[in-house]
Amino acid sequence: MPKVKTKKAMLKRFKLTATGKLKFKKCGLRHILTKKSPGRKRKMGNPDYVDHADLGRMMRGIPYGTN
């Protein structure tokens, strides 16, 4: 079997944790921040994880992990 190519865009946006979850940074915290509430901005600053239902599909783009 030949090697599977990694999707470079996914490699830049996701990180594989030690427990096998995919961690990513939420969008919407670059500009136009005046209309967003402090709580909304605070929640955007925290990382999030890919849902279990989507994990298999996402891992096909990153076949060898991202550590």
PDB file of N, CA and C in Angstrom:
ATOM      1  N   MET A   1       0.841  -1.183   0.000  1.00  0.00           N
ATOM      2  CA  MET A   1       0.000   0.000   0.000  1.00  0.00           C
ATOM      3  C   MET A   1       0.884   1.243   0.000  1.00  0.00           C
ATOM      4  N   PRO A   2       0.563   2.214  -0.833  1.00  0.00           N
ATOM      5  CA  PRO A   2       1.326   3.461  -0.806  1.00  0.00           C
ATOM      6  C   PRO A   2       0.939   4.294   0.409  1.00  0.00           C
ATOM      7  N   LYS A   3       1.779   5.250   0.706  1.00  0.00           N
ATOM      8  CA  LYS A   3       1.482   6.163   1.807  1.00  0.00           C
ATOM      9  C   LYS A   3       0.268   7.023   1.461  1.00  0.00           C
ATOM     10  N   VAL A   4      -0.439   7.452   2.483  1.00  0.00           N
ATOM     11  CA  VAL A   4      -1.591   8.335   2.299  1.00  0.00           C
ATOM     12  C   VAL A   4      -1.124   9.754   2.572  1.00  0.00           C
ATOM     13  N   LYS A   5      -1.468  10.680   1.674  1.00  0.00           N
ATOM     14  CA  LYS A   5      -1.038  12.065   1.867  1.00  0.00           C
ATOM     15  C   LYS A   5      -1.874  12.736   2.950  1.00  0.00           C
ATOM     16  N   THR A   6      -1.208  13.565   3.736  1.00  0.00           N
ATOM     17  CA  THR A   6      -1.869  14.348   4.776  1.00  0.00           C
ATOM     18  C   THR A   6      -2.434  15.615   4.162  1.00  0.00           C
ATOM     19  N   LYS A   7      -3.660  15.993   4.563  1.00  0.00           N
ATOM     20  CA  LYS A   7      -4.236  17.272   4.150  1.00  0.00           C
ATOM     21  C   LYS A   7      -3.528  18.364   4.940  1.00  0.00           C
ATOM     22  N   LYS A   8      -2.740  19.184   4.253  1.00  0.00           N
ATOM     23  CA  LYS A   8      -1.910  20.181   4.923  1.00  0.00           C
ATOM     24  C   LYS A   8      -2.732  21.235   5.649  1.00  0.00           C
ATOM     25  N   ALA A   9      -3.908  21.579   5.131  1.00  0.00           N
ATOM     26  CA  ALA A   9      -4.762  22.557   5.811  1.00  0.00           C
ATOM     27  C   ALA A   9      -5.222  22.012   7.160  1.00  0.00           C
ATOM     28  N   MET A  10      -5.535  20.727   7.221  1.00  0.00           N
ATOM     29  CA  MET A  10      -5.958  20.117   8.475  1.00  0.00           C
ATOM     30  C   MET A  10      -4.795  20.007   9.445  1.00  0.00           C
ATOM     31  N   LEU A  11      -3.622  19.749   8.926  1.00  0.00           N
ATOM     32  CA  LEU A  11      -2.435  19.638   9.768  1.00  0.00           C
ATOM     33  C   LEU A  11      -2.156  20.944  10.495  1.00  0.00           C
ATOM     34  N   LYS A  12      -2.440  22.071   9.834  1.00  0.00           N
ATOM     35  CA  LYS A  12      -2.212  23.389  10.438  1.00  0.00           C
ATOM     36  C   LYS A  12      -3.282  23.741  11.467  1.00  0.00           C
ATOM     37  N   ARG A  13      -4.492  23.217  11.317  1.00  0.00           N
ATOM     38  CA  ARG A  13      -5.612  23.643  12.151  1.00  0.00           C
ATOM     39  C   ARG A  13      -5.923  22.729  13.326  1.00  0.00           C
ATOM     40  N   PHE A  14      -5.492  21.470  13.274  1.00  0.00           N
ATOM     41  CA  PHE A  14      -5.844  20.507  14.308  1.00  0.00           C
ATOM     42  C   PHE A  14      -4.607  19.914  14.947  1.00  0.00           C
ATOM     43  N   LYS A  15      -4.751  19.547  16.230  1.00  0.00           N
ATOM     44  CA  LYS A  15      -3.664  18.887  16.956  1.00  0.00           C
ATOM     45  C   LYS A  15      -4.239  17.649  17.616  1.00  0.00           C
ATOM     46  N   LEU A  16      -3.549  16.549  17.496  1.00  0.00           N
ATOM     47  CA  LEU A  16      -3.997  15.296  18.094  1.00  0.00           C
ATOM     48  C   LEU A  16      -3.514  15.246  19.543  1.00  0.00           C
ATOM     49  N   THR A  17      -4.432  15.038  20.476  1.00  0.00           N
ATOM     50  CA  THR A  17      -4.063  14.970  21.882  1.00  0.00           C
ATOM     51  C   THR A  17      -3.597  13.555  22.221  1.00  0.00           C
ATOM     52  N   ALA A  18      -3.072  13.397  23.416  1.00  0.00           N
ATOM     53  CA  ALA A  18      -2.565  12.090  23.843  1.00  0.00           C
ATOM     54  C   ALA A  18      -3.681  11.063  23.990  1.00  0.00           C
ATOM     55  N   THR A  19      -4.898  11.530  24.254  1.00  0.00           N
ATOM     56  CA  THR A  19      -6.028  10.605  24.411  1.00  0.00           C
ATOM     57  C   THR A  19      -6.716  10.300  23.089  1.00  0.00           C
ATOM     58  N   GLY A  20      -6.226  10.879  21.973  1.00  0.00           N
ATOM     59  CA  GLY A  20      -6.777  10.579  20.663  1.00  0.00           C
ATOM     60  C   GLY A  20      -7.844  11.538  20.185  1.00  0.00           C
ATOM     61  N   LYS A  21      -8.022  12.656  20.880  1.00  0.00           N
ATOM     62  CA  LYS A  21      -9.001  13.649  20.445  1.00  0.00           C
ATOM     63  C   LYS A  21      -8.325  14.650  19.519  1.00  0.00           C
ATOM     64  N   LEU A  22      -9.124  15.325  18.700  1.00  0.00           N
ATOM     65  CA  LEU A  22      -8.616  16.387  17.830  1.00  0.00           C
ATOM     66  C   LEU A  22      -8.991  17.731  18.429  1.00  0.00           C
ATOM     67  N   LYS A  23      -7.974  18.541  18.727  1.00  0.00           N
ATOM     68  CA  LYS A  23      -8.192  19.847  19.338  1.00  0.00           C
ATOM     69  C   LYS A  23      -8.025  20.919  18.277  1.00  0.00           C
ATOM     70  N   PHE A  24      -8.857  21.970  18.342  1.00  0.00           N
ATOM     71  CA  PHE A  24      -8.751  23.070  17.391  1.00  0.00           C
ATOM     72  C   PHE A  24      -9.106  24.384  18.056  1.00  0.00           C
ATOM     73  N   LYS A  25      -8.688  25.480  17.442  1.00  0.00           N
ATOM     74  CA  LYS A  25      -8.984  26.821  17.937  1.00  0.00           C
ATOM     75  C   LYS A  25     -10.255  27.307  17.259  1.00  0.00           C
ATOM     76  N   LYS A  26     -11.126  27.928  18.035  1.00  0.00           N
ATOM     77  CA  LYS A  26     -12.389  28.430  17.482  1.00  0.00           C
ATOM     78  C   LYS A  26     -12.146  29.686  16.652  1.00  0.00           C
ATOM     79  N   CYS A  27     -13.023  29.917  15.694  1.00  0.00           N
ATOM     80  CA  CYS A  27     -12.893  31.076  14.817  1.00  0.00           C
ATOM     81  C   CYS A  27     -13.693  32.251  15.361  1.00  0.00           C
ATOM     82  N   GLY A  28     -13.444  33.427  14.808  1.00  0.00           N
ATOM     83  CA  GLY A  28     -14.236  34.600  15.139  1.00  0.00           C
ATOM     84  C   GLY A  28     -13.615  35.533  16.144  1.00  0.00           C
ATOM     85  N   LEU A  29     -12.315  35.406  16.396  1.00  0.00           N
ATOM     86  CA  LEU A  29     -11.679  36.230  17.420  1.00  0.00           C
ATOM     87  C   LEU A  29     -10.591  37.118  16.826  1.00  0.00           C
ATOM     88  N   ARG A  30     -10.673  37.417  15.537  1.00  0.00           N
ATOM     89  CA  ARG A  30      -9.649  38.225  14.876  1.00  0.00           C
ATOM     90  C   ARG A  30     -10.040  39.694  14.760  1.00  0.00           C
ATOM     91  N   HIS A  31     -11.256  39.971  14.348  1.00  0.00           N
ATOM     92  CA  HIS A  31     -11.687  41.364  14.171  1.00  0.00           C
ATOM     93  C   HIS A  31     -13.197  41.448  14.378  1.00  0.00           C
ATOM     94  N   ILE A  32     -13.732  42.666  14.351  1.00  0.00           N
ATOM     95  CA  ILE A  32     -15.142  42.956  14.649  1.00  0.00           C
ATOM     96  C   ILE A  32     -15.496  42.392  16.034  1.00  0.00           C
ATOM     97  N   LEU A  33     -14.725  42.797  17.028  1.00  0.00           N
ATOM     98  CA  LEU A  33     -14.925  42.277  18.376  1.00  0.00           C
ATOM     99  C   LEU A  33     -15.791  43.182  19.238  1.00  0.00           C
ATOM    100  N   THR A  34     -16.088  44.393  18.759  1.00  0.00           N
ATOM    101  CA  THR A  34     -16.833  45.337  19.593  1.00  0.00           C
ATOM    102  C   THR A  34     -18.276  44.909  19.816  1.00  0.00           C
ATOM    103  N   LYS A  35     -18.880  44.257  18.850  1.00  0.00           N
ATOM    104  CA  LYS A  35     -20.278  43.833  18.997  1.00  0.00           C
ATOM    105  C   LYS A  35     -20.421  42.506  19.734  1.00  0.00           C
ATOM    106  N   LYS A  36     -19.328  41.817  20.001  1.00  0.00           N
ATOM    107  CA  LYS A  36     -19.384  40.519  20.674  1.00  0.00           C
ATOM    108  C   LYS A  36     -19.270  40.724  22.184  1.00  0.00           C
ATOM    109  N   SER A  37     -20.055  39.995  22.926  1.00  0.00           N
ATOM    110  CA  SER A  37     -20.065  40.138  24.379  1.00  0.00           C
ATOM    111  C   SER A  37     -18.781  39.542  24.966  1.00  0.00           C
ATOM    112  N   PRO A  38     -18.398  39.996  26.171  1.00  0.00           N
ATOM    113  CA  PRO A  38     -17.176  39.470  26.801  1.00  0.00           C
ATOM    114  C   PRO A  38     -17.230  37.961  27.018  1.00  0.00           C
ATOM    115  N   GLY A  39     -18.397  37.442  27.386  1.00  0.00           N
ATOM    116  CA  GLY A  39     -18.520  36.000  27.594  1.00  0.00           C
ATOM    117  C   GLY A  39     -18.339  35.217  26.308  1.00  0.00           C
ATOM    118  N   ARG A  40     -18.877  35.768  25.229  1.00  0.00           N
ATOM    119  CA  ARG A  40     -18.735  35.111  23.922  1.00  0.00           C
ATOM    120  C   ARG A  40     -17.271  35.084  23.494  1.00  0.00           C
ATOM    121  N   LYS A  41     -16.572  36.210  23.703  1.00  0.00           N
ATOM    122  CA  LYS A  41     -15.148  36.276  23.341  1.00  0.00           C
ATOM    123  C   LYS A  41     -14.319  35.348  24.222  1.00  0.00           C
ATOM    124  N   ARG A  42     -14.689  35.243  25.478  1.00  0.00           N
ATOM    125  CA  ARG A  42     -13.962  34.372  26.401  1.00  0.00           C
ATOM    126  C   ARG A  42     -14.109  32.911  25.983  1.00  0.00           C
ATOM    127  N   LYS A  43     -15.318  32.529  25.581  1.00  0.00           N
ATOM    128  CA  LYS A  43     -15.546  31.154  25.133  1.00  0.00           C
ATOM    129  C   LYS A  43     -14.818  30.858  23.830  1.00  0.00           C
ATOM    130  N   MET A  44     -14.702  31.858  22.966  1.00  0.00           N
ATOM    131  CA  MET A  44     -13.976  31.666  21.701  1.00  0.00           C
ATOM    132  C   MET A  44     -12.480  31.473  21.926  1.00  0.00           C
ATOM    133  N   GLY A  45     -11.963  32.006  23.016  1.00  0.00           N
ATOM    134  CA  GLY A  45     -10.534  31.899  23.298  1.00  0.00           C
ATOM    135  C   GLY A  45     -10.109  30.513  23.729  1.00  0.00           C
ATOM    136  N   ASN A  46     -11.052  29.737  24.242  1.00  0.00           N
ATOM    137  CA  ASN A  46     -10.732  28.385  24.709  1.00  0.00           C
ATOM    138  C   ASN A  46     -10.739  27.401  23.548  1.00  0.00           C
ATOM    139  N   PRO A  47      -9.850  26.416  23.566  1.00  0.00           N
ATOM    140  CA  PRO A  47      -9.861  25.413  22.494  1.00  0.00           C
ATOM    141  C   PRO A  47     -11.092  24.525  22.590  1.00  0.00           C
ATOM    142  N   ASP A  48     -11.414  23.882  21.494  1.00  0.00           N
ATOM    143  CA  ASP A  48     -12.550  22.967  21.449  1.00  0.00           C
ATOM    144  C   ASP A  48     -12.076  21.657  20.831  1.00  0.00           C
ATOM    145  N   TYR A  49     -12.910  20.633  20.933  1.00  0.00           N
ATOM    146  CA  TYR A  49     -12.559  19.316  20.427  1.00  0.00           C
ATOM    147  C   TYR A  49     -13.575  18.871  19.382  1.00  0.00           C
ATOM    148  N   VAL A  50     -13.122  18.118  18.403  1.00  0.00           N
ATOM    149  CA  VAL A  50     -13.995  17.596  17.358  1.00  0.00           C
ATOM    150  C   VAL A  50     -14.939  16.578  17.982  1.00  0.00           C
ATOM    151  N   ASP A  51     -16.200  16.618  17.587  1.00  0.00           N
ATOM    152  CA  ASP A  51     -17.211  15.712  18.111  1.00  0.00           C
ATOM    153  C   ASP A  51     -16.877  14.271  17.739  1.00  0.00           C
ATOM    154  N   HIS A  52     -17.276  13.353  18.605  1.00  0.00           N
ATOM    155  CA  HIS A  52     -16.980  11.937  18.398  1.00  0.00           C
ATOM    156  C   HIS A  52     -17.561  11.418  17.087  1.00  0.00           C
ATOM    157  N   ALA A  53     -18.735  11.927  16.695  1.00  0.00           N
ATOM    158  CA  ALA A  53     -19.389  11.474  15.467  1.00  0.00           C
ATOM    159  C   ALA A  53     -18.592  11.859  14.224  1.00  0.00           C
ATOM    160  N   ASP A  54     -17.836  12.948  14.284  1.00  0.00           N
ATOM    161  CA  ASP A  54     -17.069  13.423  13.137  1.00  0.00           C
ATOM    162  C   ASP A  54     -15.606  12.998  13.167  1.00  0.00           C
ATOM    163  N   LEU A  55     -15.177  12.379  14.254  1.00  0.00           N
ATOM    164  CA  LEU A  55     -13.752  12.104  14.446  1.00  0.00           C
ATOM    165  C   LEU A  55     -13.174  11.178  13.373  1.00  0.00           C
ATOM    166  N   GLY A  56     -13.893  10.142  12.991  1.00  0.00           N
ATOM    167  CA  GLY A  56     -13.382   9.207  11.988  1.00  0.00           C
ATOM    168  C   GLY A  56     -13.164   9.865  10.642  1.00  0.00           C
ATOM    169  N   ARG A  57     -14.108  10.720  10.249  1.00  0.00           N
ATOM    170  CA  ARG A  57     -14.001  11.426   8.972  1.00  0.00           C
ATOM    171  C   ARG A  57     -12.836  12.414   9.003  1.00  0.00           C
ATOM    172  N   MET A  58     -12.637  13.068  10.127  1.00  0.00           N
ATOM    173  CA  MET A  58     -11.555  14.047  10.249  1.00  0.00           C
ATOM    174  C   MET A  58     -10.189  13.354  10.258  1.00  0.00           C
ATOM    175  N   MET A  59     -10.108  12.188  10.876  1.00  0.00           N
ATOM    176  CA  MET A  59      -8.828  11.486  10.974  1.00  0.00           C
ATOM    177  C   MET A  59      -8.350  10.970   9.611  1.00  0.00           C
ATOM    178  N   ARG A  60      -9.254  10.845   8.647  1.00  0.00           N
ATOM    179  CA  ARG A  60      -8.819  10.438   7.309  1.00  0.00           C
ATOM    180  C   ARG A  60      -7.947  11.500   6.655  1.00  0.00           C
ATOM    181  N   GLY A  61      -8.142  12.761   7.039  1.00  0.00           N
ATOM    182  CA  GLY A  61      -7.323  13.844   6.503  1.00  0.00           C
ATOM    183  C   GLY A  61      -5.969  13.938   7.176  1.00  0.00           C
ATOM    184  N   ILE A  62      -5.853  13.367   8.386  1.00  0.00           N
ATOM    185  CA  ILE A  62      -4.596  13.379   9.129  1.00  0.00           C
ATOM    186  C   ILE A  62      -4.255  11.934   9.472  1.00  0.00           C
ATOM    187  N   PRO A  63      -3.800  11.142   8.531  1.00  0.00           N
ATOM    188  CA  PRO A  63      -3.633   9.705   8.779  1.00  0.00           C
ATOM    189  C   PRO A  63      -2.507   9.357   9.750  1.00  0.00           C
ATOM    190  N   TYR A  64      -1.515  10.220   9.916  1.00  0.00           N
ATOM    191  CA  TYR A  64      -0.366   9.869  10.751  1.00  0.00           C
ATOM    192  C   TYR A  64      -0.262  10.722  12.004  1.00  0.00           C
ATOM    193  N   GLY A  65      -1.309  11.431  12.368  1.00  0.00           N
ATOM    194  CA  GLY A  65      -1.294  12.258  13.567  1.00  0.00           C
ATOM    195  C   GLY A  65      -0.633  13.600  13.328  1.00  0.00           C
ATOM    196  N   THR A  66      -0.672  14.457  14.344  1.00  0.00           N
ATOM    197  CA  THR A  66      -0.153  15.814  14.179  1.00  0.00           C
ATOM    198  C   THR A  66       0.775  16.235  15.312  1.00  0.00           C
ATOM    199  N   ASN A  67       1.395  15.317  16.017  1.00  0.00           N
ATOM    200  CA  ASN A  67       2.254  15.706  17.137  1.00  0.00           C
ATOM    201  C   ASN A  67       3.624  16.113  16.703  1.00  0.00           C
TER     202      ASN A  67
END
